[in-house]
Amino acid sequence: MTDKKSAIDWASIRKEFEAGKQSIRAIAKWYKISDAAIRKQAKKHGWKVANQSQSSHQTQSANQSSVDLTPAEQTKVEDVIGRGRNIAERLLDELSAETLHKGEMEVIIQLNETDPDRISALKQAVSLPTRAKTLQTIALALKTMGETAAETAKGKKQQRQAAADAATAPGNRFAPRQAPRLVADNT
């Protein structure tokens, strides 16, 4: 009746955590411990993910307070946007491969699965509507990242002022009228 607990290999868990290739939950599931235990250990010993220089909370605040960014903060935002674009490109490649081999995937599903509910769920996962929705989501993410990159240079007031200046530029509809030119010279 007594279950003897095995020792937790924190050194291996730390290596995987700092590598950043797997989520905390995936690591926890692999080592059969809770993700909260890993988070507590990481906080206690100051573990840092290799490709993550700041927490997600700091990243969100950097994106929200884009009016007064220092050059260092600007670089951080650009790095986050660059990583997001890389992820989106990899997802697009994955979607392209899935689309290219859709028929083969359906055959594999039919041959390897016996449960009809699982077969229908897997077929739905590779269906056209699901792939189209995935593409739409990736496109929206790329659009948002592009807008964020453009907005980091200006705040809302500066954007409005720039739009007003463009509307009132000479030759535009709302430009102030010029003084009339005299055609005849009476001298």
Protein backbone atom coordinates (compact mmCIF):
# COMPACT_ATOMS: atom_id res chain seq x y z
CA MET A 1 0.00 0.00 0.00
CA THR A 2 2.87 2.39 0.58
CA ASP A 3 4.10 3.99 -2.60
CA LYS A 4 7.71 5.00 -2.38
CA LYS A 5 8.27 8.36 -4.09
CA SER A 6 11.19 8.43 -6.47
CA ALA A 7 13.70 11.25 -6.37
CA ILE A 8 12.97 14.07 -8.79
CA ASP A 9 15.75 14.74 -11.29
CA TRP A 10 15.78 18.53 -10.99
CA ALA A 11 18.98 18.88 -13.02
CA SER A 12 17.35 17.31 -16.10
CA ILE A 13 14.16 19.28 -15.56
CA ARG A 14 16.19 22.49 -15.33
CA LYS A 15 18.02 21.71 -18.60
CA GLU A 16 14.74 21.13 -20.43
CA PHE A 17 13.13 24.20 -18.84
CA GLU A 18 16.03 26.47 -19.79
CA ALA A 19 16.19 25.02 -23.31
CA GLY A 20 12.64 26.30 -23.82
CA LYS A 21 11.75 23.66 -26.41
CA GLN A 22 8.88 22.15 -24.42
CA SER A 23 6.13 23.72 -22.37
CA ILE A 24 6.24 23.45 -18.59
CA ARG A 25 3.19 21.19 -18.67
CA ALA A 26 4.86 18.82 -21.14
CA ILE A 27 7.97 18.63 -18.97
CA ALA A 28 5.83 18.05 -15.88
CA LYS A 29 3.89 15.27 -17.60
CA TRP A 30 7.12 13.60 -18.74
CA TYR A 31 8.63 13.62 -15.24
CA LYS A 32 5.26 12.83 -13.59
CA ILE A 33 5.21 15.90 -11.36
CA SER A 34 2.99 18.97 -11.31
CA ASP A 35 3.72 22.00 -13.44
CA ALA A 36 3.31 24.13 -10.30
CA ALA A 37 6.25 22.28 -8.73
CA ILE A 38 8.43 23.17 -11.72
CA ARG A 39 7.31 26.80 -11.60
CA LYS A 40 8.08 27.00 -7.86
CA GLN A 41 11.51 25.46 -8.37
CA ALA A 42 12.24 27.79 -11.30
CA LYS A 43 11.24 30.85 -9.29
CA LYS A 44 13.11 29.69 -6.21
CA HIS A 45 16.37 29.07 -8.08
CA GLY A 46 15.99 31.82 -10.73
CA TRP A 47 15.83 29.59 -13.81
CA LYS A 48 15.56 31.50 -17.09
CA VAL A 49 14.39 30.23 -20.46
CA ALA A 50 17.22 30.58 -23.00
CA ASN A 51 15.31 32.44 -25.74
CA GLN A 52 13.17 34.49 -23.40
CA SER A 53 14.84 37.59 -22.00
CA GLN A 54 11.76 38.87 -20.17
CA SER A 55 8.53 37.56 -18.77
CA SER A 56 5.35 37.66 -20.82
CA HIS A 57 3.89 40.22 -18.43
CA GLN A 58 6.76 42.60 -19.16
CA THR A 59 6.35 41.99 -22.89
CA GLN A 60 2.66 42.92 -22.72
CA SER A 61 3.38 46.10 -20.79
CA ALA A 62 6.11 47.03 -23.28
CA ASN A 63 3.64 46.67 -26.14
CA GLN A 64 0.92 48.64 -24.35
CA SER A 65 3.09 51.58 -23.30
CA SER A 66 4.50 52.19 -26.75
CA VAL A 67 4.44 55.98 -26.54
CA ASP A 68 7.68 56.52 -24.59
CA LEU A 69 9.95 53.61 -25.57
CA THR A 70 13.67 53.89 -25.12
CA PRO A 71 15.86 52.45 -27.89
CA ALA A 72 16.57 49.36 -25.75
CA GLU A 73 12.84 48.77 -25.17
CA GLN A 74 12.19 49.34 -28.88
CA THR A 75 14.72 46.62 -29.68
CA LYS A 76 13.00 44.25 -27.23
CA VAL A 77 9.63 44.82 -28.88
CA GLU A 78 11.18 44.25 -32.31
CA ASP A 79 12.76 41.01 -31.03
CA VAL A 80 9.40 39.76 -29.77
CA ILE A 81 7.76 40.65 -33.08
CA GLY A 82 10.60 38.93 -34.96
CA ARG A 83 10.18 35.75 -32.90
CA GLY A 84 6.43 35.89 -33.51
CA ARG A 85 6.97 36.18 -37.26
CA ASN A 86 9.36 33.21 -37.18
CA ILE A 87 6.76 31.12 -35.39
CA ALA A 88 4.09 32.18 -37.88
CA GLU A 89 6.37 31.21 -40.78
CA ARG A 90 6.97 27.77 -39.26
CA LEU A 91 3.23 27.32 -38.74
CA LEU A 92 2.61 28.26 -42.37
CA ASP A 93 5.22 25.72 -43.47
CA GLU A 94 3.53 23.09 -41.31
CA LEU A 95 0.13 23.97 -42.77
CA SER A 96 1.57 23.77 -46.28
CA ALA A 97 2.99 20.31 -45.61
CA GLU A 98 -0.33 19.19 -44.14
CA THR A 99 -2.17 20.45 -47.20
CA LEU A 100 0.33 18.80 -49.52
CA HIS A 101 0.00 15.39 -47.85
CA LYS A 102 -3.70 15.52 -46.90
CA GLY A 103 -4.64 12.36 -48.81
CA GLU A 104 -1.79 10.37 -47.30
CA MET A 105 -2.77 11.53 -43.82
CA GLU A 106 -6.36 10.39 -44.34
CA VAL A 107 -5.16 6.95 -45.49
CA ILE A 108 -2.90 6.66 -42.42
CA ILE A 109 -5.80 7.64 -40.18
CA GLN A 110 -8.04 4.97 -41.75
CA LEU A 111 -5.38 2.25 -41.45
CA ASN A 112 -4.18 2.98 -37.91
CA GLU A 113 -7.38 3.93 -36.10
CA THR A 114 -10.29 1.68 -35.19
CA ASP A 115 -12.45 4.01 -33.10
CA PRO A 116 -14.97 5.72 -35.43
CA ASP A 117 -15.19 8.81 -33.21
CA ARG A 118 -11.42 9.23 -33.24
CA ILE A 119 -11.34 8.72 -37.03
CA SER A 120 -13.90 11.46 -37.57
CA ALA A 121 -12.10 13.80 -35.15
CA LEU A 122 -8.75 13.27 -36.90
CA LYS A 123 -10.31 13.73 -40.34
CA GLN A 124 -11.94 16.92 -39.17
CA ALA A 125 -8.53 18.14 -37.93
CA VAL A 126 -7.10 17.86 -41.46
CA SER A 127 -10.23 19.09 -43.24
CA LEU A 128 -10.32 22.21 -45.42
CA PRO A 129 -12.36 24.37 -42.99
CA THR A 130 -9.92 23.66 -40.18
CA ARG A 131 -6.92 24.47 -42.36
CA ALA A 132 -8.62 27.64 -43.63
CA LYS A 133 -9.35 28.76 -40.07
CA THR A 134 -5.73 28.10 -39.12
CA LEU A 135 -4.52 30.19 -42.06
CA GLN A 136 -6.90 32.99 -41.10
CA THR A 137 -5.63 32.96 -37.51
CA ILE A 138 -1.98 33.06 -38.61
CA ALA A 139 -2.72 35.92 -41.03
CA LEU A 140 -4.45 37.89 -38.26
CA ALA A 141 -1.47 37.33 -35.96
CA LEU A 142 0.93 38.59 -38.65
CA LYS A 143 -1.28 41.63 -39.28
CA THR A 144 -1.37 42.42 -35.55
CA MET A 145 2.40 42.10 -35.30
CA GLY A 146 2.80 44.44 -38.27
CA GLU A 147 0.50 47.01 -36.71
CA THR A 148 2.30 46.69 -33.39
CA ALA A 149 5.62 47.30 -35.13
CA ALA A 150 4.22 50.42 -36.81
CA GLU A 151 2.62 51.72 -33.61
CA THR A 152 5.70 51.38 -31.44
CA ALA A 153 7.16 54.49 -33.05
CA LYS A 154 4.11 56.67 -32.39
CA GLY A 155 1.44 57.09 -29.78
CA LYS A 156 -2.23 57.71 -30.53
CA LYS A 157 -1.95 61.49 -30.38
CA GLN A 158 1.02 61.48 -32.73
CA GLN A 159 -0.83 59.21 -35.15
CA ARG A 160 -3.86 61.50 -35.17
CA GLN A 161 -1.66 64.53 -35.70
CA ALA A 162 0.13 62.84 -38.60
CA ALA A 163 -3.22 61.96 -40.20
CA ALA A 164 -4.45 65.54 -39.77
CA ASP A 165 -1.22 66.94 -41.25
CA ALA A 166 -1.55 64.63 -44.24
CA ALA A 167 -5.17 65.73 -44.81
CA THR A 168 -4.28 69.43 -44.69
CA ALA A 169 -1.16 69.18 -46.86
CA PRO A 170 -1.10 71.45 -49.92
CA GLY A 171 -3.16 70.02 -52.76
CA ASN A 172 -5.44 67.96 -50.53
CA ARG A 173 -9.13 68.55 -49.97
CA PHE A 174 -8.81 70.17 -46.55
CA ALA A 175 -5.75 72.28 -47.30
CA PRO A 176 -6.08 75.98 -46.46
CA ARG A 177 -6.74 78.23 -49.42
CA GLN A 178 -3.85 80.03 -51.01
CA ALA A 179 -3.88 83.76 -51.62
CA PRO A 180 -4.96 84.59 -55.18
CA ARG A 181 -2.15 85.21 -57.65
CA LEU A 182 -2.18 88.33 -59.76
CA VAL A 183 -1.85 87.51 -63.44
CA ALA A 184 -1.50 91.07 -64.77
CA ASP A 185 1.42 93.24 -63.87
CA ASN A 186 0.58 96.97 -64.05
CA THR A 187 4.01 98.37 -63.60
